[in-house]
Amino acid sequence: MVEVLSSLVKGETGMKAFSLLLAWVLLGGLLTNGEALGAAAGNLSQTVSGGGVTVKVTYLNPQSNEDPRFGVALDTHWVALDGYDLKSITVLRDDTGKTYSAIDVANKGSGHHREATLRFPKRSPEAKRLEIVIKDVAGVKERIFRWNLE
């Protein structure tokens, strides 16, 4: 595969073909914007990719009576991530209709690799499902990560 790519980029025609291939791959990532759903609800860690950015969310304390905490990791090779304020673009929702804003965030990293731990107010005791919603990262309207509490 490396030899094929190497031979493609030699010369002006090869460079044009490589540029077109790269543009096609990037465009494919950008066209997957709409609502992106996380993996199976039983997993503590879930990943959603789109717009050239991979977002991984981990429910850090599902068995605790403390405020819910979630680890968020953003990873990319194409998009500058420093402009995203995770505290303001992330909400916690439950199936009772309540929405919670993060009460604090601890950020780590910068540039193309960021991590944060978000803490939210205690959820409703009637809730049977939680969702973390991260809005408007790299052209993806919403990335939704779900956990069943039962």
Protein backbone atom coordinates (compact mmCIF):
# COMPACT_ATOMS: atom_id res chain seq x y z
CA MET A 1 0.00 0.00 0.00
CA VAL A 2 2.83 2.40 0.89
CA GLU A 3 4.52 1.65 -2.44
CA VAL A 4 1.30 2.40 -4.32
CA LEU A 5 0.83 5.74 -2.54
CA SER A 6 4.49 6.58 -3.00
CA SER A 7 4.30 5.96 -6.73
CA LEU A 8 1.06 7.96 -6.95
CA VAL A 9 2.52 11.13 -5.47
CA LYS A 10 5.53 11.15 -7.78
CA GLY A 11 5.03 13.73 -10.47
CA GLU A 12 2.36 16.36 -10.98
CA THR A 13 -0.36 13.93 -12.16
CA GLY A 14 0.21 11.67 -9.18
CA MET A 15 0.06 14.61 -6.79
CA LYS A 16 -3.26 15.72 -8.30
CA ALA A 17 -4.67 12.19 -7.94
CA PHE A 18 -3.49 12.02 -4.33
CA SER A 19 -5.00 15.45 -3.60
CA LEU A 20 -8.33 14.37 -5.09
CA LEU A 21 -8.31 11.18 -3.02
CA LEU A 22 -7.54 13.13 0.14
CA ALA A 23 -10.31 15.66 -0.63
CA TRP A 24 -12.77 12.79 -1.21
CA VAL A 25 -11.90 11.22 2.17
CA LEU A 26 -12.25 14.55 3.99
CA LEU A 27 -15.53 15.35 2.26
CA GLY A 28 -16.89 11.95 3.30
CA GLY A 29 -16.13 12.83 6.93
CA LEU A 30 -17.83 16.21 6.63
CA LEU A 31 -20.97 14.76 5.05
CA THR A 32 -21.63 12.58 8.09
CA ASN A 33 -22.77 15.57 10.11
CA GLY A 34 -26.36 15.12 11.35
CA GLU A 35 -27.08 13.47 14.62
CA ALA A 36 -24.46 10.91 15.54
CA LEU A 37 -25.29 8.32 18.16
CA GLY A 38 -22.88 6.60 20.52
CA ALA A 39 -22.26 2.88 20.78
CA ALA A 40 -24.33 0.42 22.79
CA ALA A 41 -25.84 2.02 25.86
CA GLY A 42 -24.30 -0.54 28.24
CA ASN A 43 -20.72 0.54 27.55
CA LEU A 44 -19.11 2.98 29.97
CA SER A 45 -17.01 4.39 27.08
CA GLN A 46 -18.55 5.32 23.75
CA THR A 47 -17.02 6.87 20.64
CA VAL A 48 -18.55 8.93 17.82
CA SER A 49 -16.56 10.14 14.81
CA GLY A 50 -17.57 12.78 12.28
CA GLY A 51 -16.26 15.91 10.61
CA GLY A 52 -12.68 14.71 11.09
CA VAL A 53 -13.01 14.60 14.90
CA THR A 54 -13.37 11.53 17.12
CA VAL A 55 -15.10 12.12 20.45
CA LYS A 56 -14.92 9.52 23.22
CA VAL A 57 -17.08 9.89 26.34
CA THR A 58 -16.66 7.72 29.43
CA TYR A 59 -19.15 7.61 32.30
CA LEU A 60 -16.69 7.74 35.20
CA ASN A 61 -18.90 7.06 38.23
CA PRO A 62 -22.13 5.23 37.22
CA GLN A 63 -22.44 3.37 40.54
CA SER A 64 -21.90 6.44 42.72
CA ASN A 65 -24.42 8.68 44.47
CA GLU A 66 -22.12 11.65 43.84
CA ASP A 67 -22.54 14.16 41.03
CA PRO A 68 -22.23 12.35 37.67
CA ARG A 69 -18.78 12.76 36.06
CA PHE A 70 -17.87 12.11 32.45
CA GLY A 71 -14.49 12.02 30.75
CA VAL A 72 -14.44 13.52 27.26
CA ALA A 73 -11.58 13.05 24.79
CA LEU A 74 -11.43 14.84 21.42
CA ASP A 75 -8.93 13.67 18.83
CA THR A 76 -8.21 14.87 15.30
CA HIS A 77 -5.47 15.54 12.80
CA TRP A 78 -7.43 18.17 10.87
CA VAL A 79 -9.34 20.49 13.20
CA ALA A 80 -8.08 22.94 15.84
CA LEU A 81 -9.92 21.96 19.01
CA ASP A 82 -8.91 24.81 21.33
CA GLY A 83 -11.90 26.94 20.30
CA TYR A 84 -14.44 24.50 21.73
CA ASP A 85 -15.63 25.25 25.28
CA LEU A 86 -16.79 21.81 26.39
CA LYS A 87 -18.59 23.22 29.43
CA SER A 88 -20.88 25.34 27.26
CA ILE A 89 -21.45 22.88 24.37
CA THR A 90 -22.13 19.78 26.49
CA VAL A 91 -25.34 18.94 28.34
CA LEU A 92 -26.60 15.96 30.29
CA ARG A 93 -30.19 14.88 29.60
CA ASP A 94 -32.32 12.22 31.21
CA ASP A 95 -35.42 10.39 30.09
CA THR A 96 -37.62 12.37 32.52
CA GLY A 97 -37.10 15.45 30.34
CA LYS A 98 -34.55 17.21 32.54
CA THR A 99 -31.44 18.84 31.08
CA TYR A 100 -28.38 19.61 33.20
CA SER A 101 -25.49 21.96 32.45
CA ALA A 102 -21.98 21.09 33.59
CA ILE A 103 -21.10 22.64 36.94
CA ASP A 104 -17.38 22.40 36.37
CA VAL A 105 -14.80 21.12 33.92
CA ALA A 106 -11.15 20.14 34.23
CA ASN A 107 -9.37 20.54 30.87
CA LYS A 108 -6.19 18.83 29.75
CA GLY A 109 -4.30 19.05 26.46
CA SER A 110 -4.63 21.41 23.53
CA GLY A 111 -4.49 21.60 19.76
CA HIS A 112 -5.53 18.34 18.13
CA HIS A 113 -5.82 16.25 21.33
CA ARG A 114 -7.98 17.43 24.23
CA GLU A 115 -9.38 15.79 27.32
CA ALA A 116 -11.77 17.06 29.95
CA THR A 117 -13.68 15.80 32.95
CA LEU A 118 -17.15 17.30 33.26
CA ARG A 119 -19.18 17.20 36.47
CA PHE A 120 -22.96 17.64 36.42
CA PRO A 121 -25.57 18.13 39.17
CA LYS A 122 -27.12 14.99 40.62
CA ARG A 123 -29.63 13.46 38.26
CA SER A 124 -33.27 12.86 38.94
CA PRO A 125 -33.77 9.67 40.99
CA GLU A 126 -36.57 8.69 38.55
CA ALA A 127 -34.20 8.72 35.54
CA LYS A 128 -33.67 5.40 33.78
CA ARG A 129 -31.43 6.69 30.99
CA LEU A 130 -28.81 9.45 30.64
CA GLU A 131 -27.51 11.14 27.52
CA ILE A 132 -24.48 13.33 27.06
CA VAL A 133 -25.02 15.67 24.12
CA ILE A 134 -22.05 17.53 22.62
CA LYS A 135 -23.14 20.17 20.13
CA ASP A 136 -21.54 21.69 17.04
CA VAL A 137 -18.04 20.18 16.97
CA ALA A 138 -16.48 20.18 13.49
CA GLY A 139 -19.79 20.62 11.70
CA VAL A 140 -21.58 17.77 13.50
CA LYS A 141 -24.81 19.20 14.94
CA GLU A 142 -25.06 16.76 17.88
CA ARG A 143 -23.10 13.79 19.14
CA ILE A 144 -25.21 11.76 21.54
CA PHE A 145 -23.89 9.21 24.03
CA ARG A 146 -26.46 7.11 25.97
CA TRP A 147 -26.33 5.02 29.14
CA ASN A 148 -29.12 2.90 30.62
CA LEU A 149 -29.22 3.13 34.41
CA GLU A 150 -31.22 -0.04 35.05
